[in-house]
Amino acid sequence: MSRRIAEGLGGTLILRSHAGEGACAELLLPAGRDPETVRPLGA
């Protein structure tokens, strides 16, 4: 679900996990978007 939200906003979610070392999440989003062009998820 989180990846879908990130992609819906024009970004990317990267998840990495290594046994015994924990997990890392990177959320990359664009700096800004024109509110007139943003559509709700699933639209």
PDB file of N, CA and C in Angstrom:
ATOM      1  N   MET A   1       0.826  -1.177   0.000  1.00  0.00           N
ATOM      2  CA  MET A   1       0.000   0.000   0.000  1.00  0.00           C
ATOM      3  C   MET A   1       0.879   1.253   0.000  1.00  0.00           C
ATOM      4  N   SER A   2       1.938   1.257   0.769  1.00  0.00           N
ATOM      5  CA  SER A   2       2.828   2.427   0.825  1.00  0.00           C
ATOM      6  C   SER A   2       3.477   2.698  -0.524  1.00  0.00           C
ATOM      7  N   ARG A   3       3.873   1.636  -1.213  1.00  0.00           N
ATOM      8  CA  ARG A   3       4.492   1.809  -2.534  1.00  0.00           C
ATOM      9  C   ARG A   3       3.491   2.419  -3.502  1.00  0.00           C
ATOM     10  N   ARG A   4       2.249   1.997  -3.438  1.00  0.00           N
ATOM     11  CA  ARG A   4       1.218   2.533  -4.335  1.00  0.00           C
ATOM     12  C   ARG A   4       1.004   4.028  -4.080  1.00  0.00           C
ATOM     13  N   ILE A   5       1.008   4.430  -2.827  1.00  0.00           N
ATOM     14  CA  ILE A   5       0.855   5.851  -2.493  1.00  0.00           C
ATOM     15  C   ILE A   5       2.038   6.640  -3.035  1.00  0.00           C
ATOM     16  N   ALA A   6       3.255   6.145  -2.808  1.00  0.00           N
ATOM     17  CA  ALA A   6       4.454   6.839  -3.305  1.00  0.00           C
ATOM     18  C   ALA A   6       4.408   6.984  -4.816  1.00  0.00           C
ATOM     19  N   GLU A   7       4.078   5.910  -5.519  1.00  0.00           N
ATOM     20  CA  GLU A   7       4.018   5.958  -6.982  1.00  0.00           C
ATOM     21  C   GLU A   7       2.898   6.865  -7.458  1.00  0.00           C
ATOM     22  N   GLY A   8       1.779   6.893  -6.735  1.00  0.00           N
ATOM     23  CA  GLY A   8       0.679   7.780  -7.087  1.00  0.00           C
ATOM     24  C   GLY A   8       1.058   9.245  -6.977  1.00  0.00           C
ATOM     25  N   LEU A   9       2.048   9.532  -6.132  1.00  0.00           N
ATOM     26  CA  LEU A   9       2.537  10.902  -5.972  1.00  0.00           C
ATOM     27  C   LEU A   9       3.724  11.193  -6.891  1.00  0.00           C
ATOM     28  N   GLY A  10       4.044  10.243  -7.765  1.00  0.00           N
ATOM     29  CA  GLY A  10       5.146  10.439  -8.694  1.00  0.00           C
ATOM     30  C   GLY A  10       6.502  10.075  -8.119  1.00  0.00           C
ATOM     31  N   GLY A  11       6.511   9.328  -7.038  1.00  0.00           N
ATOM     32  CA  GLY A  11       7.765   8.960  -6.388  1.00  0.00           C
ATOM     33  C   GLY A  11       8.017   7.466  -6.397  1.00  0.00           C
ATOM     34  N   THR A  12       8.921   7.056  -5.528  1.00  0.00           N
ATOM     35  CA  THR A  12       9.337   5.665  -5.444  1.00  0.00           C
ATOM     36  C   THR A  12       9.561   5.306  -3.984  1.00  0.00           C
ATOM     37  N   LEU A  13       9.241   4.079  -3.630  1.00  0.00           N
ATOM     38  CA  LEU A  13       9.542   3.551  -2.302  1.00  0.00           C
ATOM     39  C   LEU A  13      10.488   2.372  -2.493  1.00  0.00           C
ATOM     40  N   ILE A  14      11.636   2.431  -1.831  1.00  0.00           N
ATOM     41  CA  ILE A  14      12.628   1.363  -1.918  1.00  0.00           C
ATOM     42  C   ILE A  14      12.792   0.765  -0.525  1.00  0.00           C
ATOM     43  N   LEU A  15      12.588  -0.546  -0.416  1.00  0.00           N
ATOM     44  CA  LEU A  15      12.736  -1.240   0.856  1.00  0.00           C
ATOM     45  C   LEU A  15      13.886  -2.230   0.755  1.00  0.00           C
ATOM     46  N   ARG A  16      14.745  -2.232   1.772  1.00  0.00           N
ATOM     47  CA  ARG A  16      15.861  -3.184   1.820  1.00  0.00           C
ATOM     48  C   ARG A  16      15.873  -3.818   3.199  1.00  0.00           C
ATOM     49  N   SER A  17      16.131  -5.110   3.244  1.00  0.00           N
ATOM     50  CA  SER A  17      16.198  -5.824   4.500  1.00  0.00           C
ATOM     51  C   SER A  17      17.335  -6.842   4.428  1.00  0.00           C
ATOM     52  N   HIS A  18      18.132  -6.887   5.477  1.00  0.00           N
ATOM     53  CA  HIS A  18      19.240  -7.836   5.566  1.00  0.00           C
ATOM     54  C   HIS A  18      19.125  -8.570   6.897  1.00  0.00           C
ATOM     55  N   ALA A  19      19.129  -9.879   6.830  1.00  0.00           N
ATOM     56  CA  ALA A  19      18.993 -10.692   8.041  1.00  0.00           C
ATOM     57  C   ALA A  19      20.032 -10.280   9.088  1.00  0.00           C
ATOM     58  N   GLY A  20      19.561 -10.022  10.284  1.00  0.00           N
ATOM     59  CA  GLY A  20      20.439  -9.659  11.385  1.00  0.00           C
ATOM     60  C   GLY A  20      20.903  -8.216  11.384  1.00  0.00           C
ATOM     61  N   GLU A  21      20.563  -7.451  10.342  1.00  0.00           N
ATOM     62  CA  GLU A  21      21.001  -6.060  10.244  1.00  0.00           C
ATOM     63  C   GLU A  21      19.857  -5.063  10.298  1.00  0.00           C
ATOM     64  N   GLY A  22      18.629  -5.512  10.152  1.00  0.00           N
ATOM     65  CA  GLY A  22      17.490  -4.606  10.158  1.00  0.00           C
ATOM     66  C   GLY A  22      17.017  -4.269   8.754  1.00  0.00           C
ATOM     67  N   ALA A  23      16.243  -3.215   8.669  1.00  0.00           N
ATOM     68  CA  ALA A  23      15.642  -2.813   7.399  1.00  0.00           C
ATOM     69  C   ALA A  23      15.865  -1.324   7.162  1.00  0.00           C
ATOM     70  N   CYS A  24      15.797  -0.948   5.894  1.00  0.00           N
ATOM     71  CA  CYS A  24      15.956   0.447   5.499  1.00  0.00           C
ATOM     72  C   CYS A  24      14.854   0.772   4.487  1.00  0.00           C
ATOM     73  N   ALA A  25      14.226   1.915   4.661  1.00  0.00           N
ATOM     74  CA  ALA A  25      13.204   2.367   3.716  1.00  0.00           C
ATOM     75  C   ALA A  25      13.620   3.729   3.178  1.00  0.00           C
ATOM     76  N   GLU A  26      13.578   3.868   1.856  1.00  0.00           N
ATOM     77  CA  GLU A  26      13.851   5.143   1.197  1.00  0.00           C
ATOM     78  C   GLU A  26      12.583   5.583   0.498  1.00  0.00           C
ATOM     79  N   LEU A  27      12.142   6.791   0.779  1.00  0.00           N
ATOM     80  CA  LEU A  27      10.966   7.355   0.128  1.00  0.00           C
ATOM     81  C   LEU A  27      11.434   8.552  -0.684  1.00  0.00           C
ATOM     82  N   LEU A  28      11.340   8.439  -2.003  1.00  0.00           N
ATOM     83  CA  LEU A  28      11.763   9.506  -2.904  1.00  0.00           C
ATOM     84  C   LEU A  28      10.523  10.124  -3.538  1.00  0.00           C
ATOM     85  N   LEU A  29      10.331  11.414  -3.310  1.00  0.00           N
ATOM     86  CA  LEU A  29       9.182  12.132  -3.853  1.00  0.00           C
ATOM     87  C   LEU A  29       9.653  13.353  -4.629  1.00  0.00           C
ATOM     88  N   PRO A  30       8.895  13.758  -5.644  1.00  0.00           N
ATOM     89  CA  PRO A  30       9.258  14.966  -6.386  1.00  0.00           C
ATOM     90  C   PRO A  30       9.178  16.183  -5.470  1.00  0.00           C
ATOM     91  N   ALA A  31       9.948  17.206  -5.778  1.00  0.00           N
ATOM     92  CA  ALA A  31      10.008  18.412  -4.954  1.00  0.00           C
ATOM     93  C   ALA A  31       8.663  19.124  -4.861  1.00  0.00           C
ATOM     94  N   GLY A  32       7.874  19.095  -5.896  1.00  0.00           N
ATOM     95  CA  GLY A  32       6.581  19.771  -5.860  1.00  0.00           C
ATOM     96  C   GLY A  32       5.775  19.463  -7.104  1.00  0.00           C
ATOM     97  N   ARG A  33       4.481  19.582  -6.970  1.00  0.00           N
ATOM     98  CA  ARG A  33       3.591  19.358  -8.112  1.00  0.00           C
ATOM     99  C   ARG A  33       2.525  20.432  -8.110  1.00  0.00           C
ATOM    100  N   ASP A  34       2.021  20.699  -9.274  1.00  0.00           N
ATOM    101  CA  ASP A  34       0.923  21.647  -9.420  1.00  0.00           C
ATOM    102  C   ASP A  34      -0.341  21.001  -8.863  1.00  0.00           C
ATOM    103  N   PRO A  35      -0.945  21.572  -7.827  1.00  0.00           N
ATOM    104  CA  PRO A  35      -2.143  20.958  -7.224  1.00  0.00           C
ATOM    105  C   PRO A  35      -3.275  20.710  -8.222  1.00  0.00           C
ATOM    106  N   GLU A  36      -3.306  21.459  -9.319  1.00  0.00           N
ATOM    107  CA  GLU A  36      -4.355  21.279 -10.322  1.00  0.00           C
ATOM    108  C   GLU A  36      -4.186  19.969 -11.094  1.00  0.00           C
ATOM    109  N   THR A  37      -2.978  19.383 -11.097  1.00  0.00           N
ATOM    110  CA  THR A  37      -2.748  18.177 -11.875  1.00  0.00           C
ATOM    111  C   THR A  37      -2.734  16.922 -11.022  1.00  0.00           C
ATOM    112  N   VAL A  38      -2.848  17.045  -9.713  1.00  0.00           N
ATOM    113  CA  VAL A  38      -2.823  15.885  -8.817  1.00  0.00           C
ATOM    114  C   VAL A  38      -4.190  15.220  -8.815  1.00  0.00           C
ATOM    115  N   ARG A  39      -4.203  13.887  -9.044  1.00  0.00           N
ATOM    116  CA  ARG A  39      -5.456  13.138  -9.029  1.00  0.00           C
ATOM    117  C   ARG A  39      -5.453  12.199  -7.834  1.00  0.00           C
ATOM    118  N   PRO A  40      -6.603  11.948  -7.242  1.00  0.00           N
ATOM    119  CA  PRO A  40      -6.673  10.977  -6.140  1.00  0.00           C
ATOM    120  C   PRO A  40      -6.251   9.586  -6.604  1.00  0.00           C
ATOM    121  N   LEU A  41      -5.684   8.788  -5.702  1.00  0.00           N
ATOM    122  CA  LEU A  41      -5.314   7.421  -6.034  1.00  0.00           C
ATOM    123  C   LEU A  41      -6.541   6.643  -6.485  1.00  0.00           C
ATOM    124  N   GLY A  42      -6.380   5.838  -7.504  1.00  0.00           N
ATOM    125  CA  GLY A  42      -7.482   5.026  -8.018  1.00  0.00           C
ATOM    126  C   GLY A  42      -8.353   5.762  -9.022  1.00  0.00           C
ATOM    127  N   ALA A  43      -8.053   7.028  -9.291  1.00  0.00           N
ATOM    128  CA  ALA A  43      -8.877   7.791 -10.242  1.00  0.00           C
ATOM    129  C   ALA A  43      -8.436   7.564 -11.657  1.00  0.00           C
TER     130      ALA A  43
END
